[in-house]
Amino acid sequence: MIVAVAVVEIRVHGSRSLKAKRGVVRSITQRVRNRFNVSVAEVGGQQTWQRAELGLSAVGEQRTHTRGLIERAIEFIEELHLAEVVAVDVEILDLPYEPQQEASDPGSDFED
């Protein structure tokens, strides 16, 4: 199982309040979720008017596909031009996953 995570630091120029910044952050996170089906959340900078840190994550079977998905999502954030991307940190984790053998359920109609 491959897990790709990223932290994207953005700066919302012209924001004069937390409400204005949160509107921009909400717009970015919703668009990224809808387009790429990845998890997105504001993970830092909640109490600042112009700075936010977004956390993104995706899970998949192939390293190249999962990493590419996160990288395309970051490029999309930049192309929106709603905020300046100041810094990006991407990590790819290869977690060993071995499915456990389940005991047969005598009441089940399905066989493995």
PDB file of N, CA and C in Angstrom:
ATOM      1  N   MET A   1       0.854  -1.170   0.000  1.00  0.00           N
ATOM      2  CA  MET A   1       0.000   0.000   0.000  1.00  0.00           C
ATOM      3  C   MET A   1       0.895   1.227   0.000  1.00  0.00           C
ATOM      4  N   ILE A   2       0.635   2.122  -0.919  1.00  0.00           N
ATOM      5  CA  ILE A   2       1.398   3.357  -1.041  1.00  0.00           C
ATOM      6  C   ILE A   2       0.549   4.514  -0.503  1.00  0.00           C
ATOM      7  N   VAL A   3       1.148   5.316   0.372  1.00  0.00           N
ATOM      8  CA  VAL A   3       0.480   6.496   0.922  1.00  0.00           C
ATOM      9  C   VAL A   3       1.306   7.715   0.531  1.00  0.00           C
ATOM     10  N   ALA A   4       0.683   8.649  -0.165  1.00  0.00           N
ATOM     11  CA  ALA A   4       1.342   9.901  -0.534  1.00  0.00           C
ATOM     12  C   ALA A   4       0.730  11.021   0.307  1.00  0.00           C
ATOM     13  N   VAL A   5       1.583  11.788   0.959  1.00  0.00           N
ATOM     14  CA  VAL A   5       1.120  12.919   1.761  1.00  0.00           C
ATOM     15  C   VAL A   5       1.906  14.164   1.366  1.00  0.00           C
ATOM     16  N   ALA A   6       1.260  15.310   1.499  1.00  0.00           N
ATOM     17  CA  ALA A   6       1.917  16.568   1.183  1.00  0.00           C
ATOM     18  C   ALA A   6       1.412  17.649   2.125  1.00  0.00           C
ATOM     19  N   VAL A   7       2.304  18.580   2.421  1.00  0.00           N
ATOM     20  CA  VAL A   7       1.924  19.796   3.126  1.00  0.00           C
ATOM     21  C   VAL A   7       2.223  20.944   2.171  1.00  0.00           C
ATOM     22  N   VAL A   8       1.199  21.739   1.897  1.00  0.00           N
ATOM     23  CA  VAL A   8       1.317  22.861   0.970  1.00  0.00           C
ATOM     24  C   VAL A   8       1.068  24.144   1.756  1.00  0.00           C
ATOM     25  N   GLU A   9       2.079  24.983   1.838  1.00  0.00           N
ATOM     26  CA  GLU A   9       1.917  26.275   2.512  1.00  0.00           C
ATOM     27  C   GLU A   9       1.498  27.300   1.478  1.00  0.00           C
ATOM     28  N   ILE A  10       0.400  28.007   1.764  1.00  0.00           N
ATOM     29  CA  ILE A  10      -0.093  29.028   0.837  1.00  0.00           C
ATOM     30  C   ILE A  10      -0.183  30.378   1.536  1.00  0.00           C
ATOM     31  N   ARG A  11      -0.136  31.417   0.716  1.00  0.00           N
ATOM     32  CA  ARG A  11      -0.317  32.787   1.199  1.00  0.00           C
ATOM     33  C   ARG A  11      -1.465  33.404   0.407  1.00  0.00           C
ATOM     34  N   VAL A  12      -2.463  33.899   1.126  1.00  0.00           N
ATOM     35  CA  VAL A  12      -3.639  34.510   0.512  1.00  0.00           C
ATOM     36  C   VAL A  12      -3.420  36.018   0.520  1.00  0.00           C
ATOM     37  N   HIS A  13      -2.955  36.549  -0.596  1.00  0.00           N
ATOM     38  CA  HIS A  13      -2.684  37.991  -0.688  1.00  0.00           C
ATOM     39  C   HIS A  13      -3.988  38.773  -0.664  1.00  0.00           C
ATOM     40  N   GLY A  14      -3.971  39.886  -0.027  1.00  0.00           N
ATOM     41  CA  GLY A  14      -5.138  40.756   0.019  1.00  0.00           C
ATOM     42  C   GLY A  14      -6.176  40.380   1.061  1.00  0.00           C
ATOM     43  N   SER A  15      -5.954  39.311   1.785  1.00  0.00           N
ATOM     44  CA  SER A  15      -6.900  38.922   2.818  1.00  0.00           C
ATOM     45  C   SER A  15      -6.738  39.859   4.008  1.00  0.00           C
ATOM     46  N   ARG A  16      -7.854  40.384   4.493  1.00  0.00           N
ATOM     47  CA  ARG A  16      -7.829  41.309   5.621  1.00  0.00           C
ATOM     48  C   ARG A  16      -8.521  40.751   6.857  1.00  0.00           C
ATOM     49  N   SER A  17      -8.964  39.475   6.761  1.00  0.00           N
ATOM     50  CA  SER A  17      -9.635  38.872   7.912  1.00  0.00           C
ATOM     51  C   SER A  17      -9.541  37.355   7.821  1.00  0.00           C
ATOM     52  N   LEU A  18      -9.793  36.709   8.947  1.00  0.00           N
ATOM     53  CA  LEU A  18      -9.827  35.245   8.962  1.00  0.00           C
ATOM     54  C   LEU A  18     -10.963  34.731   8.080  1.00  0.00           C
ATOM     55  N   LYS A  19     -12.075  35.447   8.084  1.00  0.00           N
ATOM     56  CA  LYS A  19     -13.227  35.034   7.288  1.00  0.00           C
ATOM     57  C   LYS A  19     -12.885  35.019   5.798  1.00  0.00           C
ATOM     58  N   ALA A  20     -12.189  36.042   5.328  1.00  0.00           N
ATOM     59  CA  ALA A  20     -11.804  36.110   3.916  1.00  0.00           C
ATOM     60  C   ALA A  20     -10.832  34.985   3.569  1.00  0.00           C
ATOM     61  N   LYS A  21      -9.854  34.755   4.435  1.00  0.00           N
ATOM     62  CA  LYS A  21      -8.884  33.683   4.185  1.00  0.00           C
ATOM     63  C   LYS A  21      -9.568  32.328   4.186  1.00  0.00           C
ATOM     64  N   ARG A  22     -10.452  32.093   5.137  1.00  0.00           N
ATOM     65  CA  ARG A  22     -11.137  30.798   5.212  1.00  0.00           C
ATOM     66  C   ARG A  22     -12.007  30.545   3.988  1.00  0.00           C
ATOM     67  N   GLY A  23     -12.545  31.589   3.411  1.00  0.00           N
ATOM     68  CA  GLY A  23     -13.317  31.432   2.174  1.00  0.00           C
ATOM     69  C   GLY A  23     -12.446  30.936   1.033  1.00  0.00           C
ATOM     70  N   VAL A  24     -11.250  31.486   0.924  1.00  0.00           N
ATOM     71  CA  VAL A  24     -10.312  31.050  -0.111  1.00  0.00           C
ATOM     72  C   VAL A  24      -9.863  29.612   0.158  1.00  0.00           C
ATOM     73  N   VAL A  25      -9.518  29.308   1.399  1.00  0.00           N
ATOM     74  CA  VAL A  25      -9.070  27.962   1.760  1.00  0.00           C
ATOM     75  C   VAL A  25     -10.185  26.952   1.497  1.00  0.00           C
ATOM     76  N   ARG A  26     -11.400  27.288   1.853  1.00  0.00           N
ATOM     77  CA  ARG A  26     -12.543  26.398   1.622  1.00  0.00           C
ATOM     78  C   ARG A  26     -12.738  26.142   0.130  1.00  0.00           C
ATOM     79  N   SER A  27     -12.601  27.180  -0.671  1.00  0.00           N
ATOM     80  CA  SER A  27     -12.738  27.031  -2.115  1.00  0.00           C
ATOM     81  C   SER A  27     -11.666  26.100  -2.685  1.00  0.00           C
ATOM     82  N   ILE A  28     -10.425  26.307  -2.260  1.00  0.00           N
ATOM     83  CA  ILE A  28      -9.318  25.472  -2.741  1.00  0.00           C
ATOM     84  C   ILE A  28      -9.526  24.017  -2.324  1.00  0.00           C
ATOM     85  N   THR A  29      -9.814  23.786  -1.054  1.00  0.00           N
ATOM     86  CA  THR A  29      -9.943  22.408  -0.572  1.00  0.00           C
ATOM     87  C   THR A  29     -11.098  21.684  -1.260  1.00  0.00           C
ATOM     88  N   GLN A  30     -12.212  22.355  -1.453  1.00  0.00           N
ATOM     89  CA  GLN A  30     -13.364  21.716  -2.090  1.00  0.00           C
ATOM     90  C   GLN A  30     -13.069  21.380  -3.548  1.00  0.00           C
ATOM     91  N   ARG A  31     -12.423  22.280  -4.257  1.00  0.00           N
ATOM     92  CA  ARG A  31     -12.089  22.030  -5.665  1.00  0.00           C
ATOM     93  C   ARG A  31     -11.106  20.874  -5.813  1.00  0.00           C
ATOM     94  N   VAL A  32     -10.113  20.822  -4.925  1.00  0.00           N
ATOM     95  CA  VAL A  32      -9.126  19.732  -4.986  1.00  0.00           C
ATOM     96  C   VAL A  32      -9.805  18.401  -4.676  1.00  0.00           C
ATOM     97  N   ARG A  33     -10.646  18.364  -3.656  1.00  0.00           N
ATOM     98  CA  ARG A  33     -11.368  17.126  -3.318  1.00  0.00           C
ATOM     99  C   ARG A  33     -12.212  16.631  -4.490  1.00  0.00           C
ATOM    100  N   ASN A  34     -12.956  17.546  -5.078  1.00  0.00           N
ATOM    101  CA  ASN A  34     -13.862  17.173  -6.163  1.00  0.00           C
ATOM    102  C   ASN A  34     -13.109  16.693  -7.401  1.00  0.00           C
ATOM    103  N   ARG A  35     -12.013  17.319  -7.711  1.00  0.00           N
ATOM    104  CA  ARG A  35     -11.290  17.005  -8.947  1.00  0.00           C
ATOM    105  C   ARG A  35     -10.407  15.766  -8.822  1.00  0.00           C
ATOM    106  N   PHE A  36      -9.768  15.565  -7.659  1.00  0.00           N
ATOM    107  CA  PHE A  36      -8.761  14.514  -7.531  1.00  0.00           C
ATOM    108  C   PHE A  36      -9.140  13.399  -6.558  1.00  0.00           C
ATOM    109  N   ASN A  37     -10.224  13.540  -5.829  1.00  0.00           N
ATOM    110  CA  ASN A  37     -10.643  12.526  -4.860  1.00  0.00           C
ATOM    111  C   ASN A  37      -9.514  12.194  -3.881  1.00  0.00           C
ATOM    112  N   VAL A  38      -8.901  13.232  -3.327  1.00  0.00           N
ATOM    113  CA  VAL A  38      -7.877  13.083  -2.292  1.00  0.00           C
ATOM    114  C   VAL A  38      -8.387  13.751  -1.022  1.00  0.00           C
ATOM    115  N   SER A  39      -7.779  13.413   0.098  1.00  0.00           N
ATOM    116  CA  SER A  39      -8.129  14.063   1.358  1.00  0.00           C
ATOM    117  C   SER A  39      -7.384  15.383   1.456  1.00  0.00           C
ATOM    118  N   VAL A  40      -8.084  16.426   1.873  1.00  0.00           N
ATOM    119  CA  VAL A  40      -7.484  17.754   2.021  1.00  0.00           C
ATOM    120  C   VAL A  40      -8.035  18.392   3.282  1.00  0.00           C
ATOM    121  N   ALA A  41      -7.138  19.012   4.063  1.00  0.00           N
ATOM    122  CA  ALA A  41      -7.569  19.720   5.266  1.00  0.00           C
ATOM    123  C   ALA A  41      -6.585  20.840   5.571  1.00  0.00           C
ATOM    124  N   GLU A  42      -7.093  21.899   6.187  1.00  0.00           N
ATOM    125  CA  GLU A  42      -6.210  22.954   6.680  1.00  0.00           C
ATOM    126  C   GLU A  42      -5.573  22.431   7.957  1.00  0.00           C
ATOM    127  N   VAL A  43      -4.248  22.328   7.961  1.00  0.00           N
ATOM    128  CA  VAL A  43      -3.540  21.727   9.093  1.00  0.00           C
ATOM    129  C   VAL A  43      -2.655  22.717   9.845  1.00  0.00           C
ATOM    130  N   GLY A  44      -2.602  23.956   9.393  1.00  0.00           N
ATOM    131  CA  GLY A  44      -1.795  24.958  10.078  1.00  0.00           C
ATOM    132  C   GLY A  44      -2.154  26.353   9.630  1.00  0.00           C
ATOM    133  N   GLY A  45      -1.793  27.326  10.457  1.00  0.00           N
ATOM    134  CA  GLY A  45      -2.042  28.729  10.130  1.00  0.00           C
ATOM    135  C   GLY A  45      -3.480  29.163  10.314  1.00  0.00           C
ATOM    136  N   GLN A  46      -4.244  28.444  11.117  1.00  0.00           N
ATOM    137  CA  GLN A  46      -5.664  28.767  11.264  1.00  0.00           C
ATOM    138  C   GLN A  46      -5.926  30.143  11.843  1.00  0.00           C
ATOM    139  N   GLN A  47      -5.022  30.665  12.621  1.00  0.00           N
ATOM    140  CA  GLN A  47      -5.264  31.953  13.273  1.00  0.00           C
ATOM    141  C   GLN A  47      -4.557  33.123  12.581  1.00  0.00           C
ATOM    142  N   THR A  48      -4.040  32.898  11.372  1.00  0.00           N
ATOM    143  CA  THR A  48      -3.399  33.987  10.629  1.00  0.00           C
ATOM    144  C   THR A  48      -4.312  34.418   9.487  1.00  0.00           C
ATOM    145  N   TRP A  49      -4.181  35.658   9.063  1.00  0.00           N
ATOM    146  CA  TRP A  49      -5.052  36.214   8.038  1.00  0.00           C
ATOM    147  C   TRP A  49      -4.631  35.847   6.619  1.00  0.00           C
ATOM    148  N   GLN A  50      -3.351  35.608   6.408  1.00  0.00           N
ATOM    149  CA  GLN A  50      -2.895  35.413   5.035  1.00  0.00           C
ATOM    150  C   GLN A  50      -2.159  34.099   4.791  1.00  0.00           C
ATOM    151  N   ARG A  51      -1.923  33.305   5.796  1.00  0.00           N
ATOM    152  CA  ARG A  51      -1.145  32.078   5.621  1.00  0.00           C
ATOM    153  C   ARG A  51      -1.961  30.866   6.057  1.00  0.00           C
ATOM    154  N   ALA A  52      -1.804  29.780   5.296  1.00  0.00           N
ATOM    155  CA  ALA A  52      -2.457  28.520   5.667  1.00  0.00           C
ATOM    156  C   ALA A  52      -1.573  27.368   5.213  1.00  0.00           C
ATOM    157  N   GLU A  53      -1.681  26.263   5.917  1.00  0.00           N
ATOM    158  CA  GLU A  53      -1.010  25.033   5.514  1.00  0.00           C
ATOM    159  C   GLU A  53      -2.092  24.002   5.227  1.00  0.00           C
ATOM    160  N   LEU A  54      -2.030  23.418   4.034  1.00  0.00           N
ATOM    161  CA  LEU A  54      -2.989  22.406   3.634  1.00  0.00           C
ATOM    162  C   LEU A  54      -2.305  21.045   3.648  1.00  0.00           C
ATOM    163  N   GLY A  55      -2.962  20.064   4.209  1.00  0.00           N
ATOM    164  CA  GLY A  55      -2.470  18.695   4.175  1.00  0.00           C
ATOM    165  C   GLY A  55      -3.263  17.915   3.147  1.00  0.00           C
ATOM    166  N   LEU A  56      -2.561  17.197   2.277  1.00  0.00           N
ATOM    167  CA  LEU A  56      -3.185  16.372   1.255  1.00  0.00           C
ATOM    168  C   LEU A  56      -2.723  14.935   1.447  1.00  0.00           C
ATOM    169  N   SER A  57      -3.590  13.976   1.168  1.00  0.00           N
ATOM    170  CA  SER A  57      -3.178  12.576   1.230  1.00  0.00           C
ATOM    171  C   SER A  57      -3.961  11.751   0.216  1.00  0.00           C
ATOM    172  N   ALA A  58      -3.279  10.699  -0.274  1.00  0.00           N
ATOM    173  CA  ALA A  58      -3.886   9.756  -1.210  1.00  0.00           C
ATOM    174  C   ALA A  58      -3.292   8.385  -0.950  1.00  0.00           C
ATOM    175  N   VAL A  59      -4.082   7.369  -1.191  1.00  0.00           N
ATOM    176  CA  VAL A  59      -3.646   5.988  -1.007  1.00  0.00           C
ATOM    177  C   VAL A  59      -3.865   5.242  -2.309  1.00  0.00           C
ATOM    178  N   GLY A  60      -2.893   4.381  -2.649  1.00  0.00           N
ATOM    179  CA  GLY A  60      -3.027   3.595  -3.867  1.00  0.00           C
ATOM    180  C   GLY A  60      -2.139   2.381  -3.852  1.00  0.00           C
ATOM    181  N   GLU A  61      -2.146   1.677  -4.960  1.00  0.00           N
ATOM    182  CA  GLU A  61      -1.341   0.465  -5.087  1.00  0.00           C
ATOM    183  C   GLU A  61       0.002   0.726  -5.758  1.00  0.00           C
ATOM    184  N   GLN A  62       0.066   1.743  -6.622  1.00  0.00           N
ATOM    185  CA  GLN A  62       1.280   2.007  -7.391  1.00  0.00           C
ATOM    186  C   GLN A  62       1.888   3.334  -6.978  1.00  0.00           C
ATOM    187  N   ARG A  63       3.189   3.304  -6.755  1.00  0.00           N
ATOM    188  CA  ARG A  63       3.925   4.487  -6.312  1.00  0.00           C
ATOM    189  C   ARG A  63       3.798   5.634  -7.317  1.00  0.00           C
ATOM    190  N   THR A  64       4.020   5.368  -8.594  1.00  0.00           N
ATOM    191  CA  THR A  64       4.003   6.442  -9.599  1.00  0.00           C
ATOM    192  C   THR A  64       2.625   7.072  -9.725  1.00  0.00           C
ATOM    193  N   HIS A  65       1.591   6.252  -9.688  1.00  0.00           N
ATOM    194  CA  HIS A  65       0.233   6.795  -9.809  1.00  0.00           C
ATOM    195  C   HIS A  65      -0.127   7.652  -8.597  1.00  0.00           C
ATOM    196  N   THR A  66       0.166   7.156  -7.403  1.00  0.00           N
ATOM    197  CA  THR A  66      -0.203   7.868  -6.174  1.00  0.00           C
ATOM    198  C   THR A  66       0.573   9.172  -6.048  1.00  0.00           C
ATOM    199  N   ARG A  67       1.880   9.129  -6.332  1.00  0.00           N
ATOM    200  CA  ARG A  67       2.685  10.347  -6.288  1.00  0.00           C
ATOM    201  C   ARG A  67       2.206  11.352  -7.339  1.00  0.00           C
ATOM    202  N   GLY A  68       1.926  10.852  -8.544  1.00  0.00           N
ATOM    203  CA  GLY A  68       1.436  11.725  -9.613  1.00  0.00           C
ATOM    204  C   GLY A  68       0.133  12.405  -9.257  1.00  0.00           C
ATOM    205  N   LEU A  69      -0.742  11.690  -8.578  1.00  0.00           N
ATOM    206  CA  LEU A  69      -2.021  12.258  -8.164  1.00  0.00           C
ATOM    207  C   LEU A  69      -1.808  13.445  -7.229  1.00  0.00           C
ATOM    208  N   ILE A  70      -0.931  13.288  -6.247  1.00  0.00           N
ATOM    209  CA  ILE A  70      -0.638  14.380  -5.308  1.00  0.00           C
ATOM    210  C   ILE A  70       0.036  15.541  -6.037  1.00  0.00           C
ATOM    211  N   GLU A  71       0.978  15.241  -6.925  1.00  0.00           N
ATOM    212  CA  GLU A  71       1.676  16.305  -7.656  1.00  0.00           C
ATOM    213  C   GLU A  71       0.720  17.073  -8.561  1.00  0.00           C
ATOM    214  N   ARG A  72      -0.212  16.377  -9.212  1.00  0.00           N
ATOM    215  CA  ARG A  72      -1.201  17.071 -10.052  1.00  0.00           C
ATOM    216  C   ARG A  72      -2.119  17.947  -9.204  1.00  0.00           C
ATOM    217  N   ALA A  73      -2.467  17.471  -8.015  1.00  0.00           N
ATOM    218  CA  ALA A  73      -3.312  18.271  -7.118  1.00  0.00           C
ATOM    219  C   ALA A  73      -2.588  19.553  -6.700  1.00  0.00           C
ATOM    220  N   ILE A  74      -1.291  19.460  -6.438  1.00  0.00           N
ATOM    221  CA  ILE A  74      -0.506  20.647  -6.060  1.00  0.00           C
ATOM    222  C   ILE A  74      -0.415  21.618  -7.236  1.00  0.00           C
ATOM    223  N   GLU A  75      -0.181  21.101  -8.431  1.00  0.00           N
ATOM    224  CA  GLU A  75      -0.147  21.956  -9.625  1.00  0.00           C
ATOM    225  C   GLU A  75      -1.486  22.652  -9.820  1.00  0.00           C
ATOM    226  N   PHE A  76      -2.574  21.942  -9.581  1.00  0.00           N
ATOM    227  CA  PHE A  76      -3.911  22.510  -9.705  1.00  0.00           C
ATOM    228  C   PHE A  76      -4.099  23.672  -8.730  1.00  0.00           C
ATOM    229  N   ILE A  77      -3.620  23.509  -7.492  1.00  0.00           N
ATOM    230  CA  ILE A  77      -3.713  24.592  -6.503  1.00  0.00           C
ATOM    231  C   ILE A  77      -2.983  25.827  -7.015  1.00  0.00           C
ATOM    232  N   GLU A  78      -1.801  25.624  -7.597  1.00  0.00           N
ATOM    233  CA  GLU A  78      -1.041  26.750  -8.151  1.00  0.00           C
ATOM    234  C   GLU A  78      -1.782  27.406  -9.305  1.00  0.00           C
ATOM    235  N   GLU A  79      -2.390  26.595 -10.168  1.00  0.00           N
ATOM    236  CA  GLU A  79      -3.081  27.119 -11.355  1.00  0.00           C
ATOM    237  C   GLU A  79      -4.374  27.847 -11.025  1.00  0.00           C
ATOM    238  N   LEU A  80      -4.945  27.606  -9.852  1.00  0.00           N
ATOM    239  CA  LEU A  80      -6.164  28.308  -9.457  1.00  0.00           C
ATOM    240  C   LEU A  80      -5.918  29.803  -9.272  1.00  0.00           C
ATOM    241  N   HIS A  81      -4.702  30.171  -8.879  1.00  0.00           N
ATOM    242  CA  HIS A  81      -4.324  31.568  -8.633  1.00  0.00           C
ATOM    243  C   HIS A  81      -5.190  32.242  -7.564  1.00  0.00           C
ATOM    244  N   LEU A  82      -5.720  31.438  -6.635  1.00  0.00           N
ATOM    245  CA  LEU A  82      -6.453  32.005  -5.502  1.00  0.00           C
ATOM    246  C   LEU A  82      -5.506  32.356  -4.367  1.00  0.00           C
ATOM    247  N   ALA A  83      -4.341  31.690  -4.344  1.00  0.00           N
ATOM    248  CA  ALA A  83      -3.335  31.913  -3.321  1.00  0.00           C
ATOM    249  C   ALA A  83      -1.979  31.537  -3.895  1.00  0.00           C
ATOM    250  N   GLU A  84      -0.947  32.125  -3.326  1.00  0.00           N
ATOM    251  CA  GLU A  84       0.421  31.811  -3.746  1.00  0.00           C
ATOM    252  C   GLU A  84       0.911  30.583  -2.977  1.00  0.00           C
ATOM    253  N   VAL A  85       1.441  29.607  -3.709  1.00  0.00           N
ATOM    254  CA  VAL A  85       2.044  28.435  -3.068  1.00  0.00           C
ATOM    255  C   VAL A  85       3.458  28.834  -2.666  1.00  0.00           C
ATOM    256  N   VAL A  86       3.712  28.843  -1.358  1.00  0.00           N
ATOM    257  CA  VAL A  86       4.991  29.289  -0.811  1.00  0.00           C
ATOM    258  C   VAL A  86       5.964  28.132  -0.647  1.00  0.00           C
ATOM    259  N   ALA A  87       5.464  26.984  -0.174  1.00  0.00           N
ATOM    260  CA  ALA A  87       6.332  25.834   0.065  1.00  0.00           C
ATOM    261  C   ALA A  87       5.519  24.555  -0.071  1.00  0.00           C
ATOM    262  N   VAL A  88       6.213  23.488  -0.470  1.00  0.00           N
ATOM    263  CA  VAL A  88       5.590  22.178  -0.629  1.00  0.00           C
ATOM    264  C   VAL A  88       6.536  21.121  -0.075  1.00  0.00           C
ATOM    265  N   ASP A  89       5.980  20.175   0.665  1.00  0.00           N
ATOM    266  CA  ASP A  89       6.752  19.033   1.149  1.00  0.00           C
ATOM    267  C   ASP A  89       5.934  17.783   0.860  1.00  0.00           C
ATOM    268  N   VAL A  90       6.506  16.848   0.081  1.00  0.00           N
ATOM    269  CA  VAL A  90       5.809  15.628  -0.308  1.00  0.00           C
ATOM    270  C   VAL A  90       6.574  14.428   0.241  1.00  0.00           C
ATOM    271  N   GLU A  91       5.848  13.486   0.807  1.00  0.00           N
ATOM    272  CA  GLU A  91       6.425  12.237   1.303  1.00  0.00           C
ATOM    273  C   GLU A  91       5.626  11.079   0.729  1.00  0.00           C
ATOM    274  N   ILE A  92       6.338  10.030   0.331  1.00  0.00           N
ATOM    275  CA  ILE A  92       5.705   8.814  -0.159  1.00  0.00           C
ATOM    276  C   ILE A  92       6.075   7.685   0.801  1.00  0.00           C
ATOM    277  N   LEU A  93       5.070   7.023   1.338  1.00  0.00           N
ATOM    278  CA  LEU A  93       5.281   5.929   2.284  1.00  0.00           C
ATOM    279  C   LEU A  93       4.851   4.619   1.638  1.00  0.00           C
ATOM    280  N   ASP A  94       5.702   3.626   1.737  1.00  0.00           N
ATOM    281  CA  ASP A  94       5.388   2.295   1.240  1.00  0.00           C
ATOM    282  C   ASP A  94       5.138   1.412   2.453  1.00  0.00           C
ATOM    283  N   LEU A  95       3.874   1.218   2.767  1.00  0.00           N
ATOM    284  CA  LEU A  95       3.512   0.457   3.955  1.00  0.00           C
ATOM    285  C   LEU A  95       3.277  -1.002   3.588  1.00  0.00           C
ATOM    286  N   PRO A  96       3.917  -1.890   4.310  1.00  0.00           N
ATOM    287  CA  PRO A  96       3.675  -3.308   4.020  1.00  0.00           C
ATOM    288  C   PRO A  96       2.252  -3.679   4.420  1.00  0.00           C
ATOM    289  N   TYR A  97       1.575  -4.319   3.517  1.00  0.00           N
ATOM    290  CA  TYR A  97       0.196  -4.720   3.796  1.00  0.00           C
ATOM    291  C   TYR A  97       0.019  -6.154   3.334  1.00  0.00           C
ATOM    292  N   GLU A  98      -0.325  -6.993   4.257  1.00  0.00           N
ATOM    293  CA  GLU A  98      -0.609  -8.390   3.944  1.00  0.00           C
ATOM    294  C   GLU A  98      -1.987  -8.701   4.491  1.00  0.00           C
ATOM    295  N   PRO A  99      -2.928  -9.017   3.603  1.00  0.00           N
ATOM    296  CA  PRO A  99      -4.280  -9.322   4.078  1.00  0.00           C
ATOM    297  C   PRO A  99      -4.267 -10.537   4.988  1.00  0.00           C
ATOM    298  N   GLN A 100      -5.043 -10.466   6.028  1.00  0.00           N
ATOM    299  CA  GLN A 100      -5.124 -11.580   6.967  1.00  0.00           C
ATOM    300  C   GLN A 100      -6.125 -12.603   6.441  1.00  0.00           C
ATOM    301  N   GLN A 101      -5.809 -13.856   6.655  1.00  0.00           N
ATOM    302  CA  GLN A 101      -6.737 -14.914   6.271  1.00  0.00           C
ATOM    303  C   GLN A 101      -7.871 -14.942   7.290  1.00  0.00           C
ATOM    304  N   GLU A 102      -9.085 -14.838   6.800  1.00  0.00           N
ATOM    305  CA  GLU A 102     -10.230 -14.880   7.700  1.00  0.00           C
ATOM    306  C   GLU A 102     -10.762 -16.302   7.774  1.00  0.00           C
ATOM    307  N   ALA A 103     -11.250 -16.662   8.920  1.00  0.00           N
ATOM    308  CA  ALA A 103     -11.854 -17.979   9.079  1.00  0.00           C
ATOM    309  C   ALA A 103     -13.121 -18.053   8.249  1.00  0.00           C
ATOM    310  N   SER A 104     -13.379 -19.177   7.672  1.00  0.00           N
ATOM    311  CA  SER A 104     -14.591 -19.368   6.863  1.00  0.00           C
ATOM    312  C   SER A 104     -15.827 -19.186   7.721  1.00  0.00           C
ATOM    313  N   ASP A 105     -16.770 -18.486   7.175  1.00  0.00           N
ATOM    314  CA  ASP A 105     -18.046 -18.285   7.863  1.00  0.00           C
ATOM    315  C   ASP A 105     -19.031 -19.309   7.328  1.00  0.00           C
ATOM    316  N   PRO A 106     -19.451 -20.255   8.148  1.00  0.00           N
ATOM    317  CA  PRO A 106     -20.329 -21.311   7.654  1.00  0.00           C
ATOM    318  C   PRO A 106     -21.662 -20.777   7.115  1.00  0.00           C
ATOM    319  N   GLY A 107     -22.074 -19.599   7.530  1.00  0.00           N
ATOM    320  CA  GLY A 107     -23.335 -19.032   7.061  1.00  0.00           C
ATOM    321  C   GLY A 107     -23.188 -18.224   5.778  1.00  0.00           C
ATOM    322  N   SER A 108     -21.970 -18.118   5.273  1.00  0.00           N
ATOM    323  CA  SER A 108     -21.732 -17.299   4.088  1.00  0.00           C
ATOM    324  C   SER A 108     -21.996 -18.085   2.816  1.00  0.00           C
ATOM    325  N   ASP A 109     -22.603 -17.442   1.831  1.00  0.00           N
ATOM    326  CA  ASP A 109     -22.860 -18.066   0.533  1.00  0.00           C
ATOM    327  C   ASP A 109     -21.660 -17.923  -0.401  1.00  0.00           C
ATOM    328  N   PHE A 110     -20.659 -17.162  -0.008  1.00  0.00           N
ATOM    329  CA  PHE A 110     -19.522 -16.891  -0.867  1.00  0.00           C
ATOM    330  C   PHE A 110     -18.315 -17.699  -0.432  1.00  0.00           C
ATOM    331  N   GLU A 111     -17.546 -18.135  -1.407  1.00  0.00           N
ATOM    332  CA  GLU A 111     -16.305 -18.836  -1.109  1.00  0.00           C
ATOM    333  C   GLU A 111     -15.157 -17.978  -1.565  1.00  0.00           C
ATOM    334  N   ASP A 112     -14.016 -18.075  -0.870  1.00  0.00           N
ATOM    335  CA  ASP A 112     -12.825 -17.307  -1.250  1.00  0.00           C
ATOM    336  C   ASP A 112     -12.124 -17.936  -2.405  1.00  0.00           C
TER     337      ASP A 112
END
